[in-house]
PDB file of N, CA and C in Angstrom:
ATOM      1  N   MET A   1      87.424  51.441 239.301  1.00  0.00           N
ATOM      2  CA  MET A   1      86.335  51.844 240.174  1.00  0.00           C
ATOM      3  C   MET A   1      86.913  52.358 241.487  1.00  0.00           C
ATOM      4  N   GLY A   2      86.400  53.489 241.950  1.00  0.00           N
ATOM      5  CA  GLY A   2      86.851  54.057 243.208  1.00  0.00           C
ATOM      6  C   GLY A   2      86.319  53.289 244.397  1.00  0.00           C
ATOM      7  N   MET A   3      86.798  53.653 245.552  1.00  0.00           N
ATOM      8  CA  MET A   3      86.369  52.995 246.781  1.00  0.00           C
ATOM      9  C   MET A   3      85.974  54.055 247.796  1.00  0.00           C
ATOM     10  N   PRO A   4      84.899  53.798 248.576  1.00  0.00           N
ATOM     11  CA  PRO A   4      84.464  54.756 249.593  1.00  0.00           C
ATOM     12  C   PRO A   4      85.540  54.980 250.653  1.00  0.00           C
ATOM     13  N   ASN A   5      85.563  56.182 251.188  1.00  0.00           N
ATOM     14  CA  ASN A   5      86.524  56.555 252.230  1.00  0.00           C
ATOM     15  C   ASN A   5      85.819  56.681 253.566  1.00  0.00           C
ATOM     16  N   LEU A   6      86.515  56.291 254.634  1.00  0.00           N
ATOM     17  CA  LEU A   6      86.012  56.426 255.997  1.00  0.00           C
ATOM     18  C   LEU A   6      86.915  57.397 256.737  1.00  0.00           C
ATOM     19  N   TYR A   7      86.323  58.442 257.299  1.00  0.00           N
ATOM     20  CA  TYR A   7      87.055  59.467 258.039  1.00  0.00           C
ATOM     21  C   TYR A   7      86.633  59.432 259.499  1.00  0.00           C
ATOM     22  N   PHE A   8      87.573  59.673 260.390  1.00  0.00           N
ATOM     23  CA  PHE A   8      87.271  59.838 261.810  1.00  0.00           C
ATOM     24  C   PHE A   8      87.312  61.324 262.124  1.00  0.00           C
ATOM     25  N   CYS A   9      86.275  61.830 262.792  1.00  0.00           N
ATOM     26  CA  CYS A   9      86.169  63.236 263.155  1.00  0.00           C
ATOM     27  C   CYS A   9      86.114  63.341 264.678  1.00  0.00           C
ATOM     28  N   GLN A  10      86.938  64.223 265.224  1.00  0.00           N
ATOM     29  CA  GLN A  10      87.011  64.413 266.665  1.00  0.00           C
ATOM     30  C   GLN A  10      86.930  65.912 266.970  1.00  0.00           C
ATOM     31  N   PRO A  11      85.701  66.428 267.111  1.00  0.00           N
ATOM     32  CA  PRO A  11      85.525  67.868 267.331  1.00  0.00           C
ATOM     33  C   PRO A  11      86.275  68.411 268.537  1.00  0.00           C
ATOM     34  N   HIS A  12      86.363  67.659 269.627  1.00  0.00           N
ATOM     35  CA  HIS A  12      87.050  68.154 270.821  1.00  0.00           C
ATOM     36  C   HIS A  12      88.527  68.415 270.558  1.00  0.00           C
ATOM     37  N   ALA A  13      89.101  67.714 269.589  1.00  0.00           N
ATOM     38  CA  ALA A  13      90.512  67.893 269.229  1.00  0.00           C
ATOM     39  C   ALA A  13      90.665  68.794 268.003  1.00  0.00           C
ATOM     40  N   LYS A  14      89.557  69.399 267.579  1.00  0.00           N
ATOM     41  CA  LYS A  14      89.548  70.254 266.377  1.00  0.00           C
ATOM     42  C   LYS A  14      89.998  69.492 265.135  1.00  0.00           C
ATOM     43  N   ASN A  15      89.706  68.180 265.114  1.00  0.00           N
ATOM     44  CA  ASN A  15      90.044  67.316 263.991  1.00  0.00           C
ATOM     45  C   ASN A  15      88.843  67.260 263.062  1.00  0.00           C
ATOM     46  N   GLN A  16      88.937  67.931 261.935  1.00  0.00           N
ATOM     47  CA  GLN A  16      87.833  68.006 260.986  1.00  0.00           C
ATOM     48  C   GLN A  16      87.542  66.660 260.338  1.00  0.00           C
ATOM     49  N   GLY A  17      88.542  65.842 260.160  1.00  0.00           N
ATOM     50  CA  GLY A  17      88.338  64.535 259.545  1.00  0.00           C
ATOM     51  C   GLY A  17      89.652  63.959 259.069  1.00  0.00           C
ATOM     52  N   MET A  18      90.014  62.826 259.640  1.00  0.00           N
ATOM     53  CA  MET A  18      91.250  62.155 259.253  1.00  0.00           C
ATOM     54  C   MET A  18      90.881  60.863 258.522  1.00  0.00           C
ATOM     55  N   LEU A  19      91.439  60.684 257.343  1.00  0.00           N
ATOM     56  CA  LEU A  19      91.173  59.469 256.586  1.00  0.00           C
ATOM     57  C   LEU A  19      91.623  58.274 257.414  1.00  0.00           C
ATOM     58  N   ARG A  20      90.708  57.347 257.670  1.00  0.00           N
ATOM     59  CA  ARG A  20      91.016  56.168 258.481  1.00  0.00           C
ATOM     60  C   ARG A  20      91.101  54.909 257.643  1.00  0.00           C
ATOM     61  N   ALA A  21      90.254  54.810 256.588  1.00  0.00           N
ATOM     62  CA  ALA A  21      90.246  53.590 255.779  1.00  0.00           C
ATOM     63  C   ALA A  21      89.661  53.875 254.407  1.00  0.00           C
ATOM     64  N   VAL A  22      90.105  53.104 253.442  1.00  0.00           N
ATOM     65  CA  VAL A  22      89.516  53.068 252.109  1.00  0.00           C
ATOM     66  C   VAL A  22      88.891  51.681 252.002  1.00  0.00           C
ATOM     67  N   LEU A  23      87.585  51.646 251.789  1.00  0.00           N
ATOM     68  CA  LEU A  23      86.836  50.401 251.878  1.00  0.00           C
ATOM     69  C   LEU A  23      86.163  50.040 250.565  1.00  0.00           C
ATOM     70  N   SER A  24      85.944  48.766 250.368  1.00  0.00           N
ATOM     71  CA  SER A  24      85.092  48.340 249.263  1.00  0.00           C
ATOM     72  C   SER A  24      83.640  48.551 249.693  1.00  0.00           C
ATOM     73  N   VAL A  25      82.726  48.511 248.757  1.00  0.00           N
ATOM     74  CA  VAL A  25      81.312  48.657 249.097  1.00  0.00           C
ATOM     75  C   VAL A  25      80.903  47.515 250.020  1.00  0.00           C
ATOM     76  N   ASN A  26      81.396  46.312 249.777  1.00  0.00           N
ATOM     77  CA  ASN A  26      81.097  45.168 250.635  1.00  0.00           C
ATOM     78  C   ASN A  26      81.584  45.419 252.064  1.00  0.00           C
ATOM     79  N   GLU A  27      82.773  45.969 252.216  1.00  0.00           N
ATOM     80  CA  GLU A  27      83.295  46.286 253.550  1.00  0.00           C
ATOM     81  C   GLU A  27      82.443  47.350 254.232  1.00  0.00           C
ATOM     82  N   CYS A  28      81.965  48.327 253.470  1.00  0.00           N
ATOM     83  CA  CYS A  28      81.066  49.343 254.035  1.00  0.00           C
ATOM     84  C   CYS A  28      79.813  48.680 254.592  1.00  0.00           C
ATOM     85  N   GLU A  29      79.275  47.729 253.855  1.00  0.00           N
ATOM     86  CA  GLU A  29      78.090  47.008 254.317  1.00  0.00           C
ATOM     87  C   GLU A  29      78.372  46.303 255.641  1.00  0.00           C
ATOM     88  N   GLN A  30      79.556  45.713 255.779  1.00  0.00           N
ATOM     89  CA  GLN A  30      79.919  45.033 257.019  1.00  0.00           C
ATOM     90  C   GLN A  30      80.018  46.017 258.177  1.00  0.00           C
ATOM     91  N   VAL A  31      80.593  47.173 257.939  1.00  0.00           N
ATOM     92  CA  VAL A  31      80.731  48.189 258.988  1.00  0.00           C
ATOM     93  C   VAL A  31      79.353  48.703 259.405  1.00  0.00           C
ATOM     94  N   VAL A  32      78.518  49.016 258.439  1.00  0.00           N
ATOM     95  CA  VAL A  32      77.202  49.591 258.713  1.00  0.00           C
ATOM     96  C   VAL A  32      76.287  48.571 259.386  1.00  0.00           C
ATOM     97  N   SER A  33      76.499  47.294 259.138  1.00  0.00           N
ATOM     98  CA  SER A  33      75.647  46.284 259.765  1.00  0.00           C
ATOM     99  C   SER A  33      75.792  46.295 261.283  1.00  0.00           C
ATOM    100  N   LYS A  34      76.877  46.848 261.797  1.00  0.00           N
ATOM    101  CA  LYS A  34      77.124  46.885 263.242  1.00  0.00           C
ATOM    102  C   LYS A  34      76.980  48.283 263.839  1.00  0.00           C
ATOM    103  N   HIS A  35      76.787  49.290 262.995  1.00  0.00           N
ATOM    104  CA  HIS A  35      76.720  50.671 263.463  1.00  0.00           C
ATOM    105  C   HIS A  35      75.674  51.437 262.662  1.00  0.00           C
ATOM    106  N   SER A  36      74.941  52.309 263.348  1.00  0.00           N
ATOM    107  CA  SER A  36      73.921  53.092 262.654  1.00  0.00           C
ATOM    108  C   SER A  36      74.580  54.134 261.751  1.00  0.00           C
ATOM    109  N   VAL A  37      73.931  54.401 260.641  1.00  0.00           N
ATOM    110  CA  VAL A  37      74.449  55.358 259.663  1.00  0.00           C
ATOM    111  C   VAL A  37      73.304  56.251 259.197  1.00  0.00           C
ATOM    112  N   THR A  38      73.633  57.537 258.992  1.00  0.00           N
ATOM    113  CA  THR A  38      72.650  58.517 258.556  1.00  0.00           C
ATOM    114  C   THR A  38      73.233  59.313 257.400  1.00  0.00           C
ATOM    115  N   PHE A  39      72.444  59.471 256.324  1.00  0.00           N
ATOM    116  CA  PHE A  39      72.900  60.287 255.202  1.00  0.00           C
ATOM    117  C   PHE A  39      73.005  61.725 255.665  1.00  0.00           C
ATOM    118  N   PHE A  40      74.143  62.352 255.399  1.00  0.00           N
ATOM    119  CA  PHE A  40      74.406  63.715 255.858  1.00  0.00           C
ATOM    120  C   PHE A  40      74.196  64.741 254.758  1.00  0.00           C
ATOM    121  N   GLY A  41      74.481  64.368 253.523  1.00  0.00           N
ATOM    122  CA  GLY A  41      74.295  65.300 252.419  1.00  0.00           C
ATOM    123  C   GLY A  41      75.465  65.288 251.468  1.00  0.00           C
ATOM    124  N   GLU A  42      75.522  66.308 250.644  1.00  0.00           N
ATOM    125  CA  GLU A  42      76.542  66.404 249.600  1.00  0.00           C
ATOM    126  C   GLU A  42      77.847  67.017 250.084  1.00  0.00           C
ATOM    127  N   ASN A  43      77.854  67.595 251.298  1.00  0.00           N
ATOM    128  CA  ASN A  43      79.051  68.256 251.818  1.00  0.00           C
ATOM    129  C   ASN A  43      79.545  67.559 253.072  1.00  0.00           C
ATOM    130  N   PHE A  44      80.868  67.539 253.217  1.00  0.00           N
ATOM    131  CA  PHE A  44      81.476  66.951 254.403  1.00  0.00           C
ATOM    132  C   PHE A  44      80.995  67.719 255.634  1.00  0.00           C
ATOM    133  N   PRO A  45      80.581  67.008 256.701  1.00  0.00           N
ATOM    134  CA  PRO A  45      80.093  67.718 257.892  1.00  0.00           C
ATOM    135  C   PRO A  45      81.157  68.646 258.471  1.00  0.00           C
ATOM    136  N   SER A  46      80.743  69.823 258.858  1.00  0.00           N
ATOM    137  CA  SER A  46      81.638  70.797 259.467  1.00  0.00           C
ATOM    138  C   SER A  46      81.537  70.694 260.976  1.00  0.00           C
ATOM    139  N   LEU A  47      82.639  70.967 261.651  1.00  0.00           N
ATOM    140  CA  LEU A  47      82.600  70.960 263.116  1.00  0.00           C
ATOM    141  C   LEU A  47      81.651  72.019 263.643  1.00  0.00           C
ATOM    142  N   SER A  48      81.416  73.065 262.873  1.00  0.00           N
ATOM    143  CA  SER A  48      80.523  74.132 263.309  1.00  0.00           C
ATOM    144  C   SER A  48      79.064  73.840 262.971  1.00  0.00           C
ATOM    145  N   ASP A  49      78.806  72.759 262.234  1.00  0.00           N
ATOM    146  CA  ASP A  49      77.446  72.385 261.850  1.00  0.00           C
ATOM    147  C   ASP A  49      76.758  71.726 263.041  1.00  0.00           C
ATOM    148  N   SER A  50      75.640  72.245 263.477  1.00  0.00           N
ATOM    149  CA  SER A  50      74.960  71.721 264.663  1.00  0.00           C
ATOM    150  C   SER A  50      74.512  70.277 264.482  1.00  0.00           C
ATOM    151  N   ARG A  51      74.334  69.813 263.233  1.00  0.00           N
ATOM    152  CA  ARG A  51      73.917  68.430 263.012  1.00  0.00           C
ATOM    153  C   ARG A  51      75.027  67.455 263.371  1.00  0.00           C
ATOM    154  N   SER A  52      76.284  67.909 263.367  1.00  0.00           N
ATOM    155  CA  SER A  52      77.379  66.991 263.651  1.00  0.00           C
ATOM    156  C   SER A  52      77.533  66.718 265.138  1.00  0.00           C
ATOM    157  N   GLY A  53      77.024  67.584 265.997  1.00  0.00           N
ATOM    158  CA  GLY A  53      77.062  67.353 267.434  1.00  0.00           C
ATOM    159  C   GLY A  53      78.468  67.447 268.004  1.00  0.00           C
ATOM    160  N   PRO A  54      78.585  67.370 269.339  1.00  0.00           N
ATOM    161  CA  PRO A  54      79.873  67.579 269.994  1.00  0.00           C
ATOM    162  C   PRO A  54      80.760  66.340 270.072  1.00  0.00           C
ATOM    163  N   GLY A  55      80.191  65.134 269.964  1.00  0.00           N
ATOM    164  CA  GLY A  55      80.961  63.913 270.149  1.00  0.00           C
ATOM    165  C   GLY A  55      81.728  63.484 268.913  1.00  0.00           C
ATOM    166  N   ASP A  56      82.643  62.536 269.114  1.00  0.00           N
ATOM    167  CA  ASP A  56      83.389  61.962 267.994  1.00  0.00           C
ATOM    168  C   ASP A  56      82.445  61.162 267.105  1.00  0.00           C
ATOM    169  N   PHE A  57      82.755  61.128 265.828  1.00  0.00           N
ATOM    170  CA  PHE A  57      81.937  60.374 264.886  1.00  0.00           C
ATOM    171  C   PHE A  57      82.778  60.029 263.670  1.00  0.00           C
ATOM    172  N   ALA A  58      82.252  59.183 262.822  1.00  0.00           N
ATOM    173  CA  ALA A  58      82.933  58.806 261.585  1.00  0.00           C
ATOM    174  C   ALA A  58      82.061  59.216 260.409  1.00  0.00           C
ATOM    175  N   VAL A  59      82.706  59.393 259.260  1.00  0.00           N
ATOM    176  CA  VAL A  59      82.013  59.795 258.046  1.00  0.00           C
ATOM    177  C   VAL A  59      82.438  58.868 256.913  1.00  0.00           C
ATOM    178  N   LEU A  60      81.454  58.334 256.197  1.00  0.00           N
ATOM    179  CA  LEU A  60      81.704  57.574 254.971  1.00  0.00           C
ATOM    180  C   LEU A  60      81.447  58.499 253.794  1.00  0.00           C
ATOM    181  N   LYS A  61      82.362  58.520 252.839  1.00  0.00           N
ATOM    182  CA  LYS A  61      82.191  59.343 251.641  1.00  0.00           C
ATOM    183  C   LYS A  61      82.050  58.436 250.430  1.00  0.00           C
ATOM    184  N   PHE A  62      80.963  58.626 249.700  1.00  0.00           N
ATOM    185  CA  PHE A  62      80.733  57.904 248.454  1.00  0.00           C
ATOM    186  C   PHE A  62      80.766  58.892 247.304  1.00  0.00           C
ATOM    187  N   ALA A  63      81.689  58.704 246.375  1.00  0.00           N
ATOM    188  CA  ALA A  63      81.723  59.493 245.146  1.00  0.00           C
ATOM    189  C   ALA A  63      80.711  58.880 244.168  1.00  0.00           C
ATOM    190  N   ALA A  64      80.385  59.589 243.114  1.00  0.00           N
ATOM    191  CA  ALA A  64      79.374  59.128 242.161  1.00  0.00           C
ATOM    192  C   ALA A  64      79.698  57.748 241.604  1.00  0.00           C
ATOM    193  N   GLU A  65      80.952  57.487 241.296  1.00  0.00           N
ATOM    194  CA  GLU A  65      81.325  56.199 240.699  1.00  0.00           C
ATOM    195  C   GLU A  65      81.345  55.053 241.709  1.00  0.00           C
ATOM    196  N   GLU A  66      81.164  55.359 242.988  1.00  0.00           N
ATOM    197  CA  GLU A  66      81.209  54.335 244.034  1.00  0.00           C
ATOM    198  C   GLU A  66      79.829  53.912 244.506  1.00  0.00           C
ATOM    199  N   THR A  67      78.783  54.580 244.049  1.00  0.00           N
ATOM    200  CA  THR A  67      77.452  54.302 244.549  1.00  0.00           C
ATOM    201  C   THR A  67      76.901  53.024 243.933  1.00  0.00           C
ATOM    202  N   SER A  68      76.149  52.308 244.737  1.00  0.00           N
ATOM    203  CA  SER A  68      75.471  51.108 244.269  1.00  0.00           C
ATOM    204  C   SER A  68      74.411  50.733 245.285  1.00  0.00           C
ATOM    205  N   GLY A  69      73.397  50.030 244.836  1.00  0.00           N
ATOM    206  CA  GLY A  69      72.353  49.584 245.752  1.00  0.00           C
ATOM    207  C   GLY A  69      71.731  50.743 246.504  1.00  0.00           C
ATOM    208  N   SER A  70      71.776  50.680 247.829  1.00  0.00           N
ATOM    209  CA  SER A  70      71.134  51.697 248.652  1.00  0.00           C
ATOM    210  C   SER A  70      72.029  52.909 248.919  1.00  0.00           C
ATOM    211  N   TRP A  71      73.277  52.856 248.500  1.00  0.00           N
ATOM    212  CA  TRP A  71      74.192  53.980 248.723  1.00  0.00           C
ATOM    213  C   TRP A  71      74.008  55.025 247.632  1.00  0.00           C
ATOM    214  N   ARG A  72      74.034  56.278 248.030  1.00  0.00           N
ATOM    215  CA  ARG A  72      73.992  57.360 247.048  1.00  0.00           C
ATOM    216  C   ARG A  72      75.198  58.267 247.267  1.00  0.00           C
ATOM    217  N   GLN A  73      75.463  59.095 246.291  1.00  0.00           N
ATOM    218  CA  GLN A  73      76.607  59.992 246.357  1.00  0.00           C
ATOM    219  C   GLN A  73      76.449  60.943 247.531  1.00  0.00           C
ATOM    220  N   GLY A  74      77.522  61.100 248.295  1.00  0.00           N
ATOM    221  CA  GLY A  74      77.502  62.036 249.408  1.00  0.00           C
ATOM    222  C   GLY A  74      78.174  61.471 250.638  1.00  0.00           C
ATOM    223  N   PHE A  75      77.802  62.032 251.777  1.00  0.00           N
ATOM    224  CA  PHE A  75      78.453  61.714 253.048  1.00  0.00           C
ATOM    225  C   PHE A  75      77.454  61.114 254.026  1.00  0.00           C
ATOM    226  N   TYR A  76      77.908  60.111 254.735  1.00  0.00           N
ATOM    227  CA  TYR A  76      77.107  59.410 255.732  1.00  0.00           C
ATOM    228  C   TYR A  76      77.810  59.505 257.074  1.00  0.00           C
ATOM    229  N   ARG A  77      77.057  59.813 258.095  1.00  0.00           N
ATOM    230  CA  ARG A  77      77.608  59.897 259.446  1.00  0.00           C
ATOM    231  C   ARG A  77      77.352  58.579 260.170  1.00  0.00           C
ATOM    232  N   LEU A  78      78.384  58.071 260.838  1.00  0.00           N
ATOM    233  CA  LEU A  78      78.260  56.892 261.683  1.00  0.00           C
ATOM    234  C   LEU A  78      78.388  57.349 263.122  1.00  0.00           C
ATOM    235  N   ASP A  79      77.309  57.230 263.868  1.00  0.00           N
ATOM    236  CA  ASP A  79      77.326  57.604 265.281  1.00  0.00           C
ATOM    237  C   ASP A  79      77.742  56.385 266.073  1.00  0.00           C
ATOM    238  N   SER A  80      79.026  56.277 266.277  1.00  0.00           N
ATOM    239  CA  SER A  80      79.561  55.110 266.950  1.00  0.00           C
ATOM    240  C   SER A  80      80.860  55.487 267.631  1.00  0.00           C
ATOM    241  N   ASP A  81      81.200  54.757 268.646  1.00  0.00           N
ATOM    242  CA  ASP A  81      82.477  54.945 269.310  1.00  0.00           C
ATOM    243  C   ASP A  81      83.595  54.602 268.320  1.00  0.00           C
ATOM    244  N   LEU A  82      84.564  55.491 268.183  1.00  0.00           N
ATOM    245  CA  LEU A  82      85.637  55.273 267.203  1.00  0.00           C
ATOM    246  C   LEU A  82      86.470  54.038 267.531  1.00  0.00           C
ATOM    247  N   ALA A  83      86.621  53.711 268.807  1.00  0.00           N
ATOM    248  CA  ALA A  83      87.354  52.496 269.182  1.00  0.00           C
ATOM    249  C   ALA A  83      86.615  51.253 268.696  1.00  0.00           C
ATOM    250  N   GLU A  84      85.283  51.268 268.794  1.00  0.00           N
ATOM    251  CA  GLU A  84      84.490  50.140 268.291  1.00  0.00           C
ATOM    252  C   GLU A  84      84.611  50.032 266.776  1.00  0.00           C
ATOM    253  N   LEU A  85      84.606  51.163 266.088  1.00  0.00           N
ATOM    254  CA  LEU A  85      84.789  51.144 264.636  1.00  0.00           C
ATOM    255  C   LEU A  85      86.169  50.592 264.270  1.00  0.00           C
ATOM    256  N   ASN A  86      87.183  50.961 265.029  1.00  0.00           N
ATOM    257  CA  ASN A  86      88.525  50.408 264.794  1.00  0.00           C
ATOM    258  C   ASN A  86      88.507  48.892 264.913  1.00  0.00           C
ATOM    259  N   ASP A  87      87.778  48.367 265.895  1.00  0.00           N
ATOM    260  CA  ASP A  87      87.677  46.917 266.063  1.00  0.00           C
ATOM    261  C   ASP A  87      87.032  46.265 264.846  1.00  0.00           C
ATOM    262  N   VAL A  88      85.954  46.882 264.341  1.00  0.00           N
ATOM    263  CA  VAL A  88      85.283  46.347 263.160  1.00  0.00           C
ATOM    264  C   VAL A  88      86.216  46.383 261.954  1.00  0.00           C
ATOM    265  N   LEU A  89      86.942  47.480 261.783  1.00  0.00           N
ATOM    266  CA  LEU A  89      87.874  47.594 260.658  1.00  0.00           C
ATOM    267  C   LEU A  89      88.973  46.541 260.748  1.00  0.00           C
ATOM    268  N   ARG A  90      89.466  46.314 261.949  1.00  0.00           N
ATOM    269  CA  ARG A  90      90.518  45.318 262.146  1.00  0.00           C
ATOM    270  C   ARG A  90      90.013  43.907 261.814  1.00  0.00           C
ATOM    271  N   ASP A  91      88.744  43.659 262.083  1.00  0.00           N
ATOM    272  CA  ASP A  91      88.187  42.328 261.880  1.00  0.00           C
ATOM    273  C   ASP A  91      87.680  42.071 260.461  1.00  0.00           C
ATOM    274  N   LEU A  92      87.707  43.085 259.594  1.00  0.00           N
ATOM    275  CA  LEU A  92      87.253  42.875 258.221  1.00  0.00           C
ATOM    276  C   LEU A  92      88.100  41.811 257.544  1.00  0.00           C
ATOM    277  N   LYS A  93      87.422  40.961 256.797  1.00  0.00           N
ATOM    278  CA  LYS A  93      88.140  39.931 256.049  1.00  0.00           C
ATOM    279  C   LYS A  93      88.676  40.539 254.771  1.00  0.00           C
ATOM    280  N   ARG A  94      89.947  40.394 254.545  1.00  0.00           N
ATOM    281  CA  ARG A  94      90.578  40.957 253.337  1.00  0.00           C
ATOM    282  C   ARG A  94      90.783  39.874 252.324  1.00  0.00           C
TER     283      ARG A  94
END
């Protein structure tokens, strides 16, 4: 079974998306419980897409084999400070 990917996107640095973590679905639930998440669609957000906005953000990617419960295939945007997300990732129980 695959695992969802978390990417950090920094438009000001022209960073389209850097893989930050590979998470279990349970870990995704822990991250989302502390940060708002919005379904973005079937395509990775582009820096030129007006929906992505100018600030830094994170993206969760769920492939078809990774979906369960309320998650569906596609990309989710997390509007959160990347430093705060790093703290949550560091605190995940492994």
